[in-house]
N, C-alpha and C. Protein backbone atom coordinates (compact mmCIF):
# COMPACT_ATOMS: atom_id res chain seq x y z
N LEU A 1 -108.58 91.06 4.74
CA LEU A 1 -109.94 91.53 4.84
C LEU A 1 -110.25 91.86 6.29
N TYR A 2 -111.10 92.80 6.46
CA TYR A 2 -111.51 93.19 7.80
C TYR A 2 -113.01 93.16 7.89
N LYS A 3 -113.47 92.72 9.02
CA LYS A 3 -114.90 92.69 9.27
C LYS A 3 -115.17 93.66 10.41
N ALA A 4 -116.01 94.62 10.16
CA ALA A 4 -116.34 95.60 11.20
C ALA A 4 -117.31 94.98 12.18
N ARG A 5 -117.08 95.25 13.42
CA ARG A 5 -118.00 94.80 14.46
C ARG A 5 -118.71 96.01 15.02
N LYS A 6 -119.96 95.83 15.41
CA LYS A 6 -120.73 96.92 16.00
C LYS A 6 -120.15 97.20 17.39
N ALA A 7 -119.89 98.45 17.64
CA ALA A 7 -119.31 98.84 18.93
C ALA A 7 -120.41 98.94 19.98
N PRO A 8 -120.07 98.57 21.21
CA PRO A 8 -121.04 98.81 22.28
C PRO A 8 -121.16 100.32 22.49
N GLU A 9 -122.21 100.70 23.15
CA GLU A 9 -122.40 102.13 23.37
C GLU A 9 -121.27 102.70 24.21
N ASP A 10 -120.98 103.97 23.93
CA ASP A 10 -119.96 104.65 24.73
C ASP A 10 -120.43 104.69 26.19
N THR A 11 -119.48 104.69 27.07
CA THR A 11 -119.84 104.72 28.50
C THR A 11 -119.14 105.89 29.18
N VAL A 12 -119.70 106.28 30.31
CA VAL A 12 -119.11 107.35 31.11
C VAL A 12 -118.58 106.69 32.38
N ASN A 13 -117.27 106.92 32.69
CA ASN A 13 -116.71 106.28 33.88
C ASN A 13 -116.95 107.16 35.11
N ASP A 14 -116.41 106.72 36.24
CA ASP A 14 -116.65 107.43 37.51
C ASP A 14 -116.12 108.86 37.49
N ASP A 15 -115.13 109.15 36.68
CA ASP A 15 -114.58 110.50 36.61
C ASP A 15 -115.32 111.35 35.57
N ASN A 16 -116.47 110.86 35.11
CA ASN A 16 -117.28 111.56 34.13
C ASN A 16 -116.56 111.74 32.79
N GLU A 17 -115.67 110.76 32.46
CA GLU A 17 -114.97 110.79 31.18
C GLU A 17 -115.66 109.83 30.21
N LEU A 18 -115.79 110.28 29.00
CA LEU A 18 -116.39 109.45 27.98
C LEU A 18 -115.34 108.45 27.50
N THR A 19 -115.67 107.19 27.51
CA THR A 19 -114.76 106.15 27.01
C THR A 19 -115.50 105.28 26.01
N ALA A 20 -114.78 104.78 25.07
CA ALA A 20 -115.37 103.85 24.09
C ALA A 20 -114.73 102.50 24.30
N ALA A 21 -115.49 101.50 24.13
CA ALA A 21 -114.97 100.14 24.29
C ALA A 21 -113.98 99.85 23.16
N LEU A 22 -112.97 99.06 23.48
CA LEU A 22 -111.96 98.70 22.48
C LEU A 22 -112.53 97.86 21.36
N SER A 23 -113.62 97.21 21.58
CA SER A 23 -114.15 96.30 20.58
C SER A 23 -114.77 97.00 19.38
N ASP A 24 -114.74 98.32 19.35
CA ASP A 24 -115.29 99.01 18.19
C ASP A 24 -114.30 99.03 17.03
N GLN A 25 -113.10 98.55 17.23
CA GLN A 25 -112.11 98.52 16.16
C GLN A 25 -112.35 97.29 15.31
N ALA A 26 -112.03 97.42 14.03
CA ALA A 26 -112.20 96.29 13.13
C ALA A 26 -111.20 95.20 13.49
N GLU A 27 -111.59 93.98 13.35
CA GLU A 27 -110.68 92.88 13.65
C GLU A 27 -110.34 92.15 12.37
N PRO A 28 -109.08 91.73 12.22
CA PRO A 28 -108.69 91.03 10.99
C PRO A 28 -109.43 89.70 10.88
N GLN A 29 -109.76 89.35 9.65
CA GLN A 29 -110.44 88.08 9.37
C GLN A 29 -109.58 87.28 8.39
N ASP A 30 -109.70 85.97 8.43
CA ASP A 30 -109.03 85.14 7.45
C ASP A 30 -109.64 85.41 6.09
N ASP A 31 -108.81 85.25 5.03
CA ASP A 31 -109.34 85.38 3.68
C ASP A 31 -110.41 84.32 3.49
N PRO A 32 -111.53 84.69 2.91
CA PRO A 32 -112.55 83.67 2.68
C PRO A 32 -112.08 82.69 1.62
N ALA A 33 -112.61 81.50 1.65
CA ALA A 33 -112.28 80.51 0.61
C ALA A 33 -112.75 81.07 -0.72
N PRO A 34 -111.95 80.85 -1.79
CA PRO A 34 -112.37 81.36 -3.09
C PRO A 34 -113.74 80.80 -3.45
N THR A 35 -114.56 81.65 -4.01
CA THR A 35 -115.89 81.21 -4.40
C THR A 35 -116.00 81.04 -5.90
N ASP A 36 -114.89 81.26 -6.61
CA ASP A 36 -114.93 81.20 -8.05
C ASP A 36 -114.29 79.92 -8.60
N ASN A 37 -114.25 78.87 -7.81
CA ASN A 37 -113.67 77.61 -8.27
C ASN A 37 -114.65 76.86 -9.16
N THR A 38 -115.16 77.55 -10.15
CA THR A 38 -116.10 76.92 -11.06
C THR A 38 -115.36 75.93 -11.94
N MET A 39 -116.06 74.94 -12.39
CA MET A 39 -115.47 73.87 -13.17
C MET A 39 -115.80 73.98 -14.66
N SER A 40 -116.62 74.94 -15.04
CA SER A 40 -116.96 75.09 -16.46
C SER A 40 -117.58 76.47 -16.68
N GLY A 41 -117.60 76.86 -17.94
CA GLY A 41 -118.19 78.14 -18.29
C GLY A 41 -117.95 78.46 -19.75
N THR A 42 -118.10 79.73 -20.10
CA THR A 42 -117.88 80.17 -21.48
C THR A 42 -116.59 80.96 -21.57
N CYS A 43 -115.98 80.94 -22.75
CA CYS A 43 -114.73 81.68 -22.95
C CYS A 43 -114.58 82.13 -24.40
N GLY A 44 -115.71 82.44 -25.04
CA GLY A 44 -115.67 82.87 -26.42
C GLY A 44 -115.33 84.34 -26.56
N ALA A 45 -114.83 84.69 -27.72
CA ALA A 45 -114.48 86.08 -28.04
C ALA A 45 -115.75 86.92 -28.11
N THR A 46 -115.58 88.23 -28.14
CA THR A 46 -116.71 89.14 -28.28
C THR A 46 -117.55 88.72 -29.48
N ASP A 47 -118.85 88.73 -29.31
CA ASP A 47 -119.83 88.29 -30.32
C ASP A 47 -119.78 86.77 -30.55
N ASN A 48 -119.00 86.06 -29.74
CA ASN A 48 -118.93 84.60 -29.84
C ASN A 48 -118.90 83.98 -28.44
N GLU A 49 -119.27 84.78 -27.43
CA GLU A 49 -119.10 84.39 -26.03
C GLU A 49 -119.66 83.01 -25.73
N GLY A 50 -120.88 82.74 -26.11
CA GLY A 50 -121.52 81.48 -25.76
C GLY A 50 -121.15 80.31 -26.63
N ASN A 51 -120.40 80.55 -27.70
CA ASN A 51 -120.07 79.48 -28.64
C ASN A 51 -118.81 78.71 -28.27
N VAL A 52 -118.03 79.21 -27.33
CA VAL A 52 -116.82 78.50 -26.89
C VAL A 52 -116.95 78.28 -25.39
N THR A 53 -116.78 77.05 -24.97
CA THR A 53 -116.91 76.72 -23.56
C THR A 53 -115.64 76.05 -23.05
N TRP A 54 -115.51 76.04 -21.73
CA TRP A 54 -114.38 75.37 -21.10
C TRP A 54 -114.92 74.50 -19.97
N ALA A 55 -114.19 73.43 -19.69
CA ALA A 55 -114.58 72.54 -18.59
C ALA A 55 -113.33 71.88 -18.02
N LEU A 56 -113.29 71.77 -16.71
CA LEU A 56 -112.21 71.06 -16.02
C LEU A 56 -112.73 69.70 -15.60
N THR A 57 -111.91 68.69 -15.82
CA THR A 57 -112.21 67.34 -15.38
C THR A 57 -111.05 66.88 -14.51
N GLN A 58 -111.35 66.38 -13.34
CA GLN A 58 -110.29 65.94 -12.43
C GLN A 58 -109.68 64.65 -12.94
N ASN A 59 -108.34 64.59 -12.96
CA ASN A 59 -107.62 63.43 -13.47
C ASN A 59 -107.43 62.35 -12.42
N ASN A 60 -107.45 62.72 -11.17
CA ASN A 60 -107.12 61.77 -10.10
C ASN A 60 -108.19 61.84 -9.00
N THR A 61 -108.01 61.03 -7.99
CA THR A 61 -108.97 61.03 -6.89
C THR A 61 -108.38 61.64 -5.63
N ASP A 62 -107.26 62.28 -5.76
CA ASP A 62 -106.57 62.89 -4.61
C ASP A 62 -107.18 64.26 -4.32
N SER A 63 -107.98 64.34 -3.28
CA SER A 63 -108.64 65.61 -2.96
C SER A 63 -107.67 66.66 -2.43
N ASP A 64 -106.51 66.23 -1.92
CA ASP A 64 -105.51 67.17 -1.42
C ASP A 64 -104.66 67.77 -2.54
N SER A 65 -104.41 67.01 -3.58
CA SER A 65 -103.59 67.46 -4.71
C SER A 65 -104.21 67.06 -6.03
N PRO A 66 -105.38 67.59 -6.34
CA PRO A 66 -106.02 67.20 -7.60
C PRO A 66 -105.29 67.78 -8.80
N THR A 67 -105.34 67.08 -9.92
CA THR A 67 -104.88 67.61 -11.19
C THR A 67 -106.05 67.56 -12.15
N TYR A 68 -105.99 68.39 -13.17
CA TYR A 68 -107.13 68.54 -14.06
C TYR A 68 -106.74 68.52 -15.52
N THR A 69 -107.71 68.15 -16.36
CA THR A 69 -107.64 68.33 -17.80
C THR A 69 -108.62 69.46 -18.12
N LEU A 70 -108.14 70.44 -18.88
CA LEU A 70 -108.99 71.55 -19.31
C LEU A 70 -109.37 71.30 -20.76
N THR A 71 -110.67 71.28 -21.03
CA THR A 71 -111.16 71.07 -22.39
C THR A 71 -111.84 72.35 -22.88
N ILE A 72 -111.41 72.78 -24.06
CA ILE A 72 -112.01 73.93 -24.73
C ILE A 72 -112.82 73.36 -25.90
N SER A 73 -114.11 73.68 -25.95
CA SER A 73 -114.94 73.12 -27.02
C SER A 73 -115.89 74.18 -27.57
N GLY A 74 -116.56 73.81 -28.64
CA GLY A 74 -117.49 74.72 -29.30
C GLY A 74 -117.00 75.07 -30.68
N SER A 75 -117.21 76.33 -31.08
CA SER A 75 -116.74 76.74 -32.41
C SER A 75 -116.38 78.22 -32.40
N GLY A 76 -115.42 78.54 -33.25
CA GLY A 76 -114.99 79.93 -33.39
C GLY A 76 -113.79 80.27 -32.53
N ALA A 77 -113.75 81.52 -32.10
CA ALA A 77 -112.57 82.07 -31.42
C ALA A 77 -112.76 82.14 -29.91
N MET A 78 -111.68 81.82 -29.20
CA MET A 78 -111.63 82.07 -27.76
C MET A 78 -111.40 83.56 -27.56
N LYS A 79 -111.75 84.06 -26.41
CA LYS A 79 -111.47 85.46 -26.10
C LYS A 79 -109.98 85.63 -25.82
N ASP A 80 -109.50 86.85 -25.96
CA ASP A 80 -108.15 87.22 -25.53
C ASP A 80 -108.26 87.59 -24.06
N PHE A 81 -107.42 86.98 -23.25
CA PHE A 81 -107.44 87.23 -21.82
C PHE A 81 -106.40 88.28 -21.46
N SER A 82 -106.49 88.80 -20.26
CA SER A 82 -105.45 89.69 -19.77
C SER A 82 -104.79 89.01 -18.58
N TYR A 83 -103.50 89.21 -18.47
CA TYR A 83 -102.74 88.55 -17.41
C TYR A 83 -101.61 89.47 -16.98
N THR A 84 -101.56 89.75 -15.71
CA THR A 84 -100.43 90.46 -15.11
C THR A 84 -100.11 89.74 -13.82
N MET A 85 -99.08 90.15 -13.15
CA MET A 85 -98.72 89.52 -11.88
C MET A 85 -99.81 89.75 -10.83
N SER A 86 -100.61 90.78 -10.99
CA SER A 86 -101.62 91.08 -9.98
C SER A 86 -103.06 90.83 -10.44
N SER A 87 -103.27 90.51 -11.70
CA SER A 87 -104.64 90.22 -12.14
C SER A 87 -104.62 89.17 -13.25
N ASP A 88 -105.67 88.40 -13.29
CA ASP A 88 -105.77 87.29 -14.23
C ASP A 88 -107.25 87.03 -14.46
N ASP A 89 -107.74 87.28 -15.68
CA ASP A 89 -109.18 87.14 -15.91
C ASP A 89 -109.58 85.81 -16.55
N ARG A 90 -108.66 84.85 -16.58
CA ARG A 90 -109.01 83.53 -17.10
C ARG A 90 -109.91 82.83 -16.08
N PRO A 91 -111.04 82.31 -16.52
CA PRO A 91 -111.98 81.73 -15.55
C PRO A 91 -111.43 80.50 -14.84
N TRP A 92 -110.43 79.84 -15.38
CA TRP A 92 -109.81 78.67 -14.76
C TRP A 92 -108.52 79.04 -14.04
N ALA A 93 -108.27 80.31 -13.83
CA ALA A 93 -107.01 80.76 -13.22
C ALA A 93 -106.75 80.12 -11.86
N TRP A 94 -107.80 79.87 -11.11
CA TRP A 94 -107.64 79.26 -9.78
C TRP A 94 -106.98 77.89 -9.86
N ALA A 95 -107.05 77.23 -11.03
CA ALA A 95 -106.52 75.87 -11.18
C ALA A 95 -105.27 75.82 -12.05
N LYS A 96 -104.71 76.97 -12.41
CA LYS A 96 -103.62 76.97 -13.39
C LYS A 96 -102.41 76.15 -12.97
N ASP A 97 -102.18 76.01 -11.69
CA ASP A 97 -101.05 75.20 -11.21
C ASP A 97 -101.45 73.75 -10.97
N LYS A 98 -102.64 73.38 -11.46
CA LYS A 98 -103.13 72.01 -11.29
C LYS A 98 -103.55 71.38 -12.61
N ILE A 99 -103.39 72.13 -13.71
CA ILE A 99 -103.82 71.64 -15.02
C ILE A 99 -102.63 70.97 -15.71
N THR A 100 -102.79 69.67 -16.02
CA THR A 100 -101.72 68.92 -16.68
C THR A 100 -101.95 68.76 -18.18
N ASN A 101 -103.21 68.79 -18.59
CA ASN A 101 -103.55 68.57 -20.00
C ASN A 101 -104.55 69.62 -20.46
N VAL A 102 -104.39 70.04 -21.71
CA VAL A 102 -105.37 70.93 -22.35
C VAL A 102 -105.79 70.26 -23.65
N ASN A 103 -107.08 70.04 -23.81
CA ASN A 103 -107.64 69.50 -25.05
C ASN A 103 -108.45 70.61 -25.71
N ILE A 104 -107.99 71.04 -26.86
CA ILE A 104 -108.71 72.05 -27.62
C ILE A 104 -109.40 71.31 -28.76
N GLU A 105 -110.71 71.27 -28.70
CA GLU A 105 -111.46 70.42 -29.62
C GLU A 105 -111.64 71.05 -31.00
N GLU A 106 -111.99 70.19 -31.95
CA GLU A 106 -112.20 70.59 -33.33
C GLU A 106 -113.25 71.70 -33.40
N ASN A 107 -113.11 72.60 -34.35
CA ASN A 107 -113.94 73.77 -34.62
C ASN A 107 -113.53 75.00 -33.83
N ILE A 108 -112.57 74.88 -32.92
CA ILE A 108 -111.99 76.07 -32.28
C ILE A 108 -110.98 76.63 -33.27
N GLU A 109 -111.08 77.92 -33.57
CA GLU A 109 -110.24 78.53 -34.60
C GLU A 109 -109.13 79.40 -34.03
N ASN A 110 -109.29 79.86 -32.80
CA ASN A 110 -108.33 80.79 -32.22
C ASN A 110 -108.10 80.46 -30.76
N ILE A 111 -106.83 80.43 -30.37
CA ILE A 111 -106.48 80.32 -28.95
C ILE A 111 -106.20 81.74 -28.49
N GLY A 112 -106.90 82.19 -27.49
CA GLY A 112 -106.79 83.57 -27.03
C GLY A 112 -105.44 83.92 -26.42
N ALA A 113 -105.11 85.20 -26.48
CA ALA A 113 -103.88 85.71 -25.85
C ALA A 113 -103.88 85.33 -24.38
N TYR A 114 -102.74 84.91 -23.88
CA TYR A 114 -102.49 84.59 -22.47
C TYR A 114 -103.31 83.40 -21.96
N ALA A 115 -103.98 82.67 -22.82
CA ALA A 115 -104.94 81.64 -22.40
C ALA A 115 -104.37 80.65 -21.40
N PHE A 116 -103.14 80.21 -21.61
CA PHE A 116 -102.56 79.18 -20.74
C PHE A 116 -101.22 79.62 -20.16
N ARG A 117 -100.94 80.88 -20.20
CA ARG A 117 -99.65 81.39 -19.72
C ARG A 117 -99.41 80.97 -18.26
N GLY A 118 -98.21 80.48 -18.00
CA GLY A 118 -97.80 80.17 -16.65
C GLY A 118 -98.43 78.93 -16.04
N HIS A 119 -98.99 78.05 -16.86
CA HIS A 119 -99.54 76.80 -16.33
C HIS A 119 -98.35 75.89 -16.01
N ALA A 120 -97.95 75.90 -14.77
CA ALA A 120 -96.68 75.32 -14.32
C ALA A 120 -96.51 73.83 -14.56
N ILE A 121 -97.61 73.06 -14.52
CA ILE A 121 -97.45 71.61 -14.69
C ILE A 121 -98.10 71.10 -15.98
N LEU A 122 -98.44 72.00 -16.88
CA LEU A 122 -99.03 71.60 -18.16
C LEU A 122 -97.99 70.81 -18.97
N THR A 123 -98.32 69.58 -19.33
CA THR A 123 -97.38 68.74 -20.07
C THR A 123 -97.87 68.38 -21.47
N ASN A 124 -99.17 68.49 -21.72
CA ASN A 124 -99.68 68.04 -23.00
C ASN A 124 -100.81 68.95 -23.48
N VAL A 125 -100.78 69.29 -24.78
CA VAL A 125 -101.85 70.07 -25.41
C VAL A 125 -102.25 69.36 -26.69
N THR A 126 -103.54 69.20 -26.88
CA THR A 126 -104.07 68.65 -28.12
C THR A 126 -104.67 69.80 -28.91
N PHE A 127 -104.15 70.01 -30.13
CA PHE A 127 -104.60 71.10 -30.99
C PHE A 127 -105.55 70.57 -32.06
N PRO A 128 -106.60 71.32 -32.41
CA PRO A 128 -107.51 70.89 -33.48
C PRO A 128 -106.97 71.29 -34.85
N LYS A 129 -107.33 70.55 -35.86
CA LYS A 129 -106.92 70.89 -37.23
C LYS A 129 -107.56 72.20 -37.70
N SER A 130 -108.65 72.60 -37.05
CA SER A 130 -109.36 73.83 -37.41
C SER A 130 -108.63 75.09 -36.94
N LEU A 131 -107.59 74.94 -36.13
CA LEU A 131 -106.92 76.10 -35.51
C LEU A 131 -106.27 77.01 -36.56
N GLU A 132 -106.58 78.32 -36.46
CA GLU A 132 -106.03 79.31 -37.39
C GLU A 132 -105.01 80.23 -36.73
N THR A 133 -105.23 80.59 -35.47
CA THR A 133 -104.30 81.50 -34.80
C THR A 133 -104.05 81.06 -33.35
N ILE A 134 -102.84 81.35 -32.91
CA ILE A 134 -102.45 81.14 -31.51
C ILE A 134 -102.06 82.51 -30.98
N GLY A 135 -102.77 82.99 -30.00
CA GLY A 135 -102.58 84.34 -29.49
C GLY A 135 -101.26 84.56 -28.78
N GLN A 136 -100.93 85.84 -28.60
CA GLN A 136 -99.67 86.20 -27.96
C GLN A 136 -99.59 85.62 -26.55
N GLN A 137 -98.44 85.13 -26.22
CA GLN A 137 -98.13 84.57 -24.91
C GLN A 137 -99.11 83.49 -24.46
N ALA A 138 -99.76 82.82 -25.40
CA ALA A 138 -100.77 81.81 -25.07
C ALA A 138 -100.21 80.69 -24.21
N PHE A 139 -98.96 80.28 -24.46
CA PHE A 139 -98.35 79.19 -23.70
C PHE A 139 -97.06 79.63 -23.02
N ARG A 140 -96.87 80.91 -22.87
CA ARG A 140 -95.64 81.42 -22.27
C ARG A 140 -95.42 80.81 -20.88
N ASP A 141 -94.19 80.45 -20.62
CA ASP A 141 -93.75 79.93 -19.32
C ASP A 141 -94.44 78.64 -18.90
N CYS A 142 -94.88 77.86 -19.86
CA CYS A 142 -95.36 76.49 -19.58
C CYS A 142 -94.14 75.58 -19.78
N ASN A 143 -93.19 75.68 -18.87
CA ASN A 143 -91.88 75.05 -19.09
C ASN A 143 -91.90 73.52 -19.04
N LYS A 144 -92.96 72.92 -18.56
CA LYS A 144 -93.06 71.45 -18.58
C LYS A 144 -93.73 70.96 -19.86
N LEU A 145 -94.18 71.88 -20.69
CA LEU A 145 -94.82 71.52 -21.95
C LEU A 145 -93.73 71.15 -22.95
N SER A 146 -93.54 69.85 -23.15
CA SER A 146 -92.44 69.40 -24.00
C SER A 146 -92.91 68.76 -25.30
N ASN A 147 -94.20 68.54 -25.45
CA ASN A 147 -94.73 67.92 -26.66
C ASN A 147 -95.78 68.85 -27.27
N VAL A 148 -95.38 69.57 -28.30
CA VAL A 148 -96.29 70.47 -29.01
C VAL A 148 -96.32 70.01 -30.46
N ASN A 149 -97.43 69.40 -30.86
CA ASN A 149 -97.54 68.87 -32.20
C ASN A 149 -98.40 69.81 -33.05
N LEU A 150 -97.73 70.59 -33.88
CA LEU A 150 -98.41 71.52 -34.79
C LEU A 150 -98.36 71.02 -36.23
N THR A 151 -97.89 69.80 -36.43
CA THR A 151 -97.63 69.24 -37.75
C THR A 151 -98.84 69.28 -38.67
N ASP A 152 -100.01 68.91 -38.18
CA ASP A 152 -101.19 68.81 -39.05
C ASP A 152 -102.09 70.03 -39.04
N LEU A 153 -101.58 71.15 -38.57
CA LEU A 153 -102.40 72.36 -38.49
C LEU A 153 -102.33 73.12 -39.82
N THR A 154 -103.01 72.58 -40.81
CA THR A 154 -102.94 73.14 -42.16
C THR A 154 -103.67 74.47 -42.31
N ASN A 155 -104.46 74.88 -41.31
CA ASN A 155 -105.16 76.16 -41.35
C ASN A 155 -104.45 77.25 -40.55
N LEU A 156 -103.36 76.89 -39.87
CA LEU A 156 -102.67 77.84 -38.99
C LEU A 156 -102.01 78.95 -39.80
N THR A 157 -102.45 80.20 -39.56
CA THR A 157 -101.91 81.35 -40.29
C THR A 157 -101.11 82.30 -39.41
N GLU A 158 -101.26 82.19 -38.08
CA GLU A 158 -100.59 83.15 -37.20
C GLU A 158 -100.23 82.55 -35.86
N ILE A 159 -99.01 82.83 -35.43
CA ILE A 159 -98.56 82.52 -34.08
C ILE A 159 -98.16 83.85 -33.46
N GLY A 160 -98.73 84.17 -32.33
CA GLY A 160 -98.50 85.45 -31.68
C GLY A 160 -97.13 85.60 -31.05
N VAL A 161 -96.80 86.83 -30.74
CA VAL A 161 -95.55 87.18 -30.08
C VAL A 161 -95.43 86.40 -28.78
N GLN A 162 -94.30 85.78 -28.57
CA GLN A 162 -93.98 85.03 -27.35
C GLN A 162 -94.99 83.93 -27.04
N ALA A 163 -95.68 83.42 -28.05
CA ALA A 163 -96.72 82.41 -27.84
C ALA A 163 -96.18 81.17 -27.11
N PHE A 164 -94.96 80.78 -27.43
CA PHE A 164 -94.37 79.59 -26.81
C PHE A 164 -93.09 79.95 -26.05
N ARG A 165 -93.00 81.15 -25.55
CA ARG A 165 -91.82 81.59 -24.81
C ARG A 165 -91.61 80.70 -23.58
N GLY A 166 -90.40 80.20 -23.45
CA GLY A 166 -90.03 79.45 -22.26
C GLY A 166 -90.65 78.07 -22.11
N VAL A 167 -91.22 77.53 -23.20
CA VAL A 167 -91.78 76.18 -23.09
C VAL A 167 -90.67 75.15 -23.22
N GLY A 168 -90.96 73.91 -22.88
CA GLY A 168 -89.95 72.86 -22.87
C GLY A 168 -89.78 72.12 -24.18
N ILE A 169 -90.36 72.59 -25.27
CA ILE A 169 -90.23 71.87 -26.54
C ILE A 169 -88.85 72.03 -27.12
N ASP A 170 -88.38 70.97 -27.80
CA ASP A 170 -87.06 71.06 -28.43
C ASP A 170 -87.13 71.10 -29.95
N LYS A 171 -88.32 70.84 -30.51
CA LYS A 171 -88.50 70.95 -31.97
C LYS A 171 -89.98 71.15 -32.27
N VAL A 172 -90.23 71.73 -33.43
CA VAL A 172 -91.60 71.94 -33.88
C VAL A 172 -91.61 71.91 -35.41
N ASP A 173 -92.59 71.25 -35.98
CA ASP A 173 -92.73 71.14 -37.43
C ASP A 173 -93.88 72.02 -37.87
N LEU A 174 -93.56 73.06 -38.64
CA LEU A 174 -94.58 74.00 -39.13
C LEU A 174 -94.73 73.92 -40.64
N SER A 175 -94.20 72.88 -41.24
CA SER A 175 -94.12 72.79 -42.71
C SER A 175 -95.48 72.71 -43.41
N LYS A 176 -96.51 72.22 -42.76
CA LYS A 176 -97.82 72.08 -43.40
C LYS A 176 -98.75 73.25 -43.08
N THR A 177 -98.30 74.19 -42.29
CA THR A 177 -99.14 75.34 -41.91
C THR A 177 -99.19 76.36 -43.03
N LYS A 178 -100.03 77.36 -42.86
CA LYS A 178 -100.12 78.48 -43.80
C LYS A 178 -99.35 79.70 -43.29
N LEU A 179 -98.46 79.48 -42.35
CA LEU A 179 -97.69 80.59 -41.79
C LEU A 179 -96.79 81.18 -42.87
N THR A 180 -96.78 82.50 -42.97
CA THR A 180 -95.87 83.18 -43.89
C THR A 180 -94.74 83.87 -43.12
N GLU A 181 -94.98 84.11 -41.85
CA GLU A 181 -93.93 84.64 -40.99
C GLU A 181 -94.22 84.25 -39.55
N ILE A 182 -93.15 84.18 -38.78
CA ILE A 182 -93.24 83.83 -37.37
C ILE A 182 -92.50 84.91 -36.60
N PRO A 183 -93.13 85.51 -35.59
CA PRO A 183 -92.41 86.52 -34.81
C PRO A 183 -91.12 85.92 -34.24
N GLU A 184 -90.06 86.71 -34.26
CA GLU A 184 -88.77 86.24 -33.75
C GLU A 184 -88.89 85.69 -32.33
N SER A 185 -89.77 86.27 -31.55
CA SER A 185 -89.87 85.87 -30.15
C SER A 185 -90.90 84.77 -29.89
N ALA A 186 -91.51 84.21 -30.94
CA ALA A 186 -92.56 83.21 -30.74
C ALA A 186 -92.09 82.02 -29.91
N PHE A 187 -90.84 81.61 -30.11
CA PHE A 187 -90.28 80.45 -29.40
C PHE A 187 -89.07 80.83 -28.56
N ILE A 188 -88.95 82.10 -28.21
CA ILE A 188 -87.79 82.56 -27.46
C ILE A 188 -87.72 81.84 -26.11
N TYR A 189 -86.54 81.49 -25.71
CA TYR A 189 -86.26 80.79 -24.44
C TYR A 189 -86.87 79.40 -24.38
N ALA A 190 -87.34 78.88 -25.50
CA ALA A 190 -87.80 77.49 -25.52
C ALA A 190 -86.56 76.60 -25.49
N ALA A 191 -86.76 75.33 -25.24
CA ALA A 191 -85.62 74.40 -25.13
C ALA A 191 -85.02 74.02 -26.46
N MET A 192 -85.46 74.66 -27.54
CA MET A 192 -84.96 74.34 -28.89
C MET A 192 -83.48 74.67 -29.02
N SER A 193 -82.80 73.83 -29.77
CA SER A 193 -81.37 74.11 -29.98
C SER A 193 -81.15 74.80 -31.31
């Protein structure tokens, strides 16, 4: 970022030459501290925006290296997020490398696309029995996520493409779900044998 400074007036030197002070050039500034480190907000799908909320709770008292639990609550569907290497519209994106637990509370029906992709230290997710769909790449590259219990998700009808790509799970029980098909890539590169 650059901050422009007001230049002093041009001056005329003894040889009657017009000179401008060097200080009229922009000077580099440090990046400002992020101002979007919000701890809660809404994350509902279109027409359901206010019905699904999120909140971060700090797990420890270490101000230098805090870790968080992310709780998704309310009812209905989460929004589908967009994620690329250069943009991320998840409101908790600033904390993605500090979130160890995700609690998705009862009455949430859909986990949005890319919702937790790349959460590097995520180790535990609690899923609600109300869950019907898990969006594409929702947990992609959460390689420390080794415990995914989908056993009691009797309403689950869809798992998105690459939803669990690269996660650390070695087994998953989908026998009680309503799934009729699973994309070939849903668990690609997971630790499953």
